[in-house]
Amino acid sequence: MKKNVGIIIGIVVVVIAVIAIIFMFTNNGGSVGLDSSIQNEDNKSGNTTLDSDRVLVLYFSETGNTQKLANIISNEVGGDFRRIEPVEAYPTGDALFDYTEEEANSDARPEFKDLDINIDDYDTIFVGYPIWWYQMPMIMYTFFDEYDLSGKTIVPFNTHEGSGDSGTYSDIADLEPDADVLDGLAIRGGDMESDQTETVRNWLEDLGFYE
């Protein structure tokens, strides 16, 4: 009897964990949606002490939460603004969940479209992404494989549904050992439905980017 109870409890725990992962991954009920009016931009003016001529803000986003956060950051720090877009579009709905699970399990490196940048033009690079499967999306690993950010200052940020940065800031430091990786900003995806400008400004102030 005790054995059966233990098995039942184990099954319940696994089911709850799977549901939690699905909720975290898909941002159910907490997605602002991609905004087609938010486009790549060059030479934006900034409000911080950073030299906007040497700043890049880039991000990957599928549900719009990270895109909205990236846009707020870009409006503050200026510079160039880029979205990482996959060459092969991701599926939607439940298919996205299964597809990216396979990507993670196979350590895939999905291709992304040309960013139209010269990485040597930047000193400070803000890098944003959602948390998928408790890590960065695999397309972000493609980015770090392709670009050598040695000597750069990397400022990570991400959206999530309960896992914070999930250790990804340390992962970036491991991938780019000769870069200076600063303290990142992790915001719950559902919170992006409200204005997070003040949160972003407080973070940038803590990093010393305001006078």
Protein backbone atom coordinates (compact mmCIF):
# COMPACT_ATOMS: atom_id res chain seq x y z
CA MET A 1 0.00 0.00 0.00
CA LYS A 2 2.77 2.41 0.98
CA LYS A 3 4.56 1.55 -2.24
CA ASN A 4 1.47 2.39 -4.29
CA VAL A 5 1.03 5.69 -2.46
CA GLY A 6 4.65 6.52 -3.17
CA ILE A 7 4.22 5.76 -6.87
CA ILE A 8 1.08 7.92 -7.03
CA ILE A 9 2.84 10.81 -5.29
CA GLY A 10 5.77 10.46 -7.67
CA ILE A 11 3.48 10.60 -10.70
CA VAL A 12 1.70 13.68 -9.33
CA VAL A 13 5.02 15.43 -8.73
CA VAL A 14 6.16 14.69 -12.29
CA VAL A 15 2.86 15.90 -13.77
CA ILE A 16 3.01 19.12 -11.75
CA ALA A 17 6.62 19.67 -12.82
CA VAL A 18 5.73 19.19 -16.48
CA ILE A 19 2.81 21.59 -16.22
CA ALA A 20 5.06 24.14 -14.50
CA ILE A 21 7.66 23.85 -17.26
CA ILE A 22 5.02 24.27 -19.96
CA PHE A 23 3.66 27.35 -18.19
CA MET A 24 7.12 28.81 -17.71
CA PHE A 25 8.14 28.13 -21.29
CA THR A 26 5.07 29.31 -23.12
CA ASN A 27 4.33 32.30 -20.84
CA ASN A 28 0.66 31.33 -20.79
CA GLY A 29 -1.45 34.37 -19.91
CA GLY A 30 1.62 36.59 -19.76
CA SER A 31 2.64 37.33 -23.33
CA VAL A 32 2.41 40.84 -24.72
CA GLY A 33 2.88 39.58 -28.29
CA LEU A 34 5.46 40.68 -30.82
CA ASP A 35 5.05 44.30 -31.88
CA SER A 36 5.71 44.81 -35.59
CA SER A 37 6.23 48.54 -35.00
CA ILE A 38 9.39 47.78 -33.00
CA GLN A 39 12.08 47.61 -35.66
CA ASN A 40 15.85 47.44 -35.87
CA GLU A 41 17.36 50.91 -35.48
CA ASP A 42 20.73 52.62 -35.80
CA ASN A 43 22.36 55.55 -34.01
CA LYS A 44 19.75 56.06 -31.33
CA SER A 45 20.42 58.76 -28.73
CA GLY A 46 20.76 57.63 -25.13
CA ASN A 47 20.04 59.07 -21.70
CA THR A 48 22.94 57.43 -19.85
CA THR A 49 26.66 58.04 -19.45
CA LEU A 50 27.38 55.33 -22.02
CA ASP A 51 28.73 56.41 -25.38
CA SER A 52 25.69 55.60 -27.51
CA ASP A 53 27.91 55.42 -30.60
CA ARG A 54 29.51 52.32 -29.06
CA VAL A 55 26.39 50.59 -27.70
CA LEU A 56 24.44 47.65 -29.13
CA VAL A 57 21.17 46.28 -27.75
CA LEU A 58 20.19 42.96 -29.26
CA TYR A 59 17.56 40.44 -28.29
CA PHE A 60 15.73 37.27 -29.23
CA SER A 61 11.99 37.12 -28.59
CA GLU A 62 9.13 34.88 -29.71
CA THR A 63 6.26 36.01 -27.48
CA GLY A 64 7.09 39.72 -27.32
CA ASN A 65 8.00 39.98 -23.64
CA THR A 66 11.74 40.19 -24.24
CA GLN A 67 11.18 42.45 -27.23
CA LYS A 68 9.29 44.96 -25.09
CA LEU A 69 11.99 44.87 -22.40
CA ALA A 70 14.74 45.27 -25.00
CA ASN A 71 12.99 48.28 -26.48
CA ILE A 72 12.78 50.00 -23.09
CA ILE A 73 16.50 49.40 -22.55
CA SER A 74 17.34 50.62 -26.05
CA ASN A 75 15.38 53.82 -25.52
CA GLU A 76 17.47 54.52 -22.41
CA VAL A 77 20.97 53.61 -23.60
CA GLY A 78 20.69 54.42 -27.31
CA GLY A 79 23.06 53.01 -29.89
CA ASP A 80 22.09 50.31 -32.37
CA PHE A 81 19.10 48.02 -31.81
CA ARG A 82 18.79 44.54 -33.34
CA ARG A 83 16.46 41.57 -33.14
CA ILE A 84 17.90 38.09 -33.54
CA GLU A 85 15.56 36.36 -36.01
CA PRO A 86 15.82 32.67 -36.92
CA VAL A 87 16.29 31.76 -40.57
CA GLU A 88 13.72 29.01 -40.10
CA ALA A 89 10.72 30.40 -38.23
CA TYR A 90 9.74 28.63 -35.04
CA PRO A 91 6.37 26.85 -34.92
CA THR A 92 3.63 28.25 -32.72
CA GLY A 93 1.47 26.84 -29.94
CA ASP A 94 2.21 23.40 -28.49
CA ALA A 95 4.46 22.65 -31.46
CA LEU A 96 6.89 25.32 -30.24
CA PHE A 97 7.19 23.53 -26.90
CA ASP A 98 8.07 20.18 -28.51
CA TYR A 99 10.30 21.71 -31.18
CA THR A 100 12.50 23.63 -28.78
CA GLU A 101 12.71 20.71 -26.38
CA GLU A 102 14.28 18.74 -29.21
CA GLU A 103 16.58 21.69 -29.97
CA ALA A 104 17.79 21.74 -26.38
CA ASN A 105 18.20 17.95 -26.18
CA SER A 106 20.24 17.88 -29.38
CA ASP A 107 22.32 20.96 -28.46
CA ALA A 108 21.23 22.50 -31.78
CA ARG A 109 22.58 25.71 -33.26
CA PRO A 110 19.72 27.27 -35.26
CA GLU A 111 20.80 29.86 -37.79
CA PHE A 112 19.72 33.48 -37.53
CA LYS A 113 19.40 36.22 -40.13
CA ASP A 114 22.23 38.64 -40.78
CA LEU A 115 22.31 41.28 -38.03
CA ASP A 116 24.00 43.85 -40.28
CA ILE A 117 26.53 44.81 -37.62
CA ASN A 118 30.29 45.00 -37.19
CA ILE A 119 30.90 43.75 -33.65
CA ASP A 120 34.13 45.77 -33.48
CA ASP A 121 32.02 48.95 -33.48
CA TYR A 122 30.73 48.30 -29.95
CA ASP A 123 32.14 48.50 -26.45
CA THR A 124 28.94 47.71 -24.52
CA ILE A 125 26.52 45.03 -25.69
CA PHE A 126 23.16 44.40 -24.04
CA VAL A 127 21.95 40.85 -24.75
CA GLY A 128 18.37 39.76 -24.09
CA TYR A 129 16.40 36.51 -24.33
CA PRO A 130 13.62 34.49 -22.68
CA ILE A 131 14.35 31.44 -20.54
CA TRP A 132 13.52 28.20 -22.35
CA TRP A 133 14.04 24.85 -20.66
CA TYR A 134 15.90 26.55 -17.80
CA GLN A 135 18.52 27.98 -20.15
CA MET A 136 18.98 30.42 -23.01
CA PRO A 137 17.27 29.48 -26.28
CA MET A 138 19.70 27.55 -28.44
CA ILE A 139 19.77 30.35 -31.00
CA MET A 140 21.59 32.43 -28.37
CA TYR A 141 24.34 29.82 -28.28
CA THR A 142 24.60 30.26 -32.05
CA PHE A 143 25.15 33.97 -31.47
CA PHE A 144 27.89 33.45 -28.91
CA ASP A 145 29.52 30.83 -31.15
CA GLU A 146 29.57 33.26 -34.07
CA TYR A 147 30.71 36.43 -32.31
CA ASP A 148 33.86 36.87 -30.24
CA LEU A 149 33.02 39.43 -27.56
CA SER A 150 36.47 39.52 -25.98
CA GLY A 151 37.17 42.89 -24.41
CA LYS A 152 33.50 43.91 -24.55
CA THR A 153 31.18 44.71 -21.67
CA ILE A 154 28.19 42.37 -21.86
CA VAL A 155 24.99 43.35 -20.05
CA PRO A 156 22.49 40.48 -20.03
CA PHE A 157 18.74 40.71 -19.48
CA ASN A 158 15.93 38.19 -19.75
CA THR A 159 12.28 37.42 -19.19
CA HIS A 160 11.09 34.30 -17.39
CA GLU A 161 8.12 32.72 -15.63
CA GLY A 162 9.62 31.96 -12.25
CA SER A 163 13.20 30.81 -12.88
CA GLY A 164 14.96 34.18 -12.74
CA ASP A 165 18.05 34.16 -14.93
CA SER A 166 18.36 30.37 -14.43
CA GLY A 167 22.14 30.66 -14.23
CA THR A 168 22.40 32.03 -17.76
CA TYR A 169 24.49 35.05 -16.78
CA SER A 170 27.17 32.67 -15.55
CA ASP A 171 26.76 30.67 -18.77
CA ILE A 172 27.47 33.81 -20.79
CA ALA A 173 30.57 34.49 -18.70
CA ASP A 174 31.75 30.94 -19.46
CA LEU A 175 31.04 31.38 -23.18
CA GLU A 176 32.82 34.75 -23.30
CA PRO A 177 35.62 34.42 -20.71
CA ASP A 178 37.48 37.49 -21.97
CA ALA A 179 34.46 39.79 -21.71
CA ASP A 180 33.20 41.69 -18.67
CA VAL A 181 29.72 40.36 -17.87
CA LEU A 182 27.76 42.73 -15.61
CA ASP A 183 24.79 42.06 -13.33
CA GLY A 184 21.77 41.29 -15.46
CA LEU A 185 18.08 42.09 -15.20
CA ALA A 186 15.49 39.30 -15.01
CA ILE A 187 11.80 40.23 -15.22
CA ARG A 188 8.85 37.86 -15.09
CA GLY A 189 7.17 37.70 -18.48
CA GLY A 190 3.74 38.45 -17.08
CA ASP A 191 5.07 41.65 -15.53
CA MET A 192 5.87 42.97 -19.00
CA GLU A 193 2.17 43.71 -19.44
CA SER A 194 2.85 46.76 -17.27
CA ASP A 195 5.42 49.51 -17.86
CA GLN A 196 8.86 48.45 -16.61
CA THR A 197 10.71 51.67 -17.47
CA GLU A 198 11.36 52.56 -13.84
CA THR A 199 12.68 49.06 -13.14
CA VAL A 200 15.06 49.34 -16.09
CA ARG A 201 16.24 52.78 -14.98
CA ASN A 202 16.90 51.56 -11.44
CA TRP A 203 18.94 48.67 -12.84
CA LEU A 204 20.96 50.95 -15.10
CA GLU A 205 21.56 53.28 -12.17
CA ASP A 206 22.83 50.37 -10.06
CA LEU A 207 25.24 49.56 -12.89
CA GLY A 208 26.55 53.12 -12.77
CA PHE A 209 25.19 54.18 -16.15
CA TYR A 210 23.61 57.39 -14.89
CA GLU A 211 25.38 60.42 -13.44
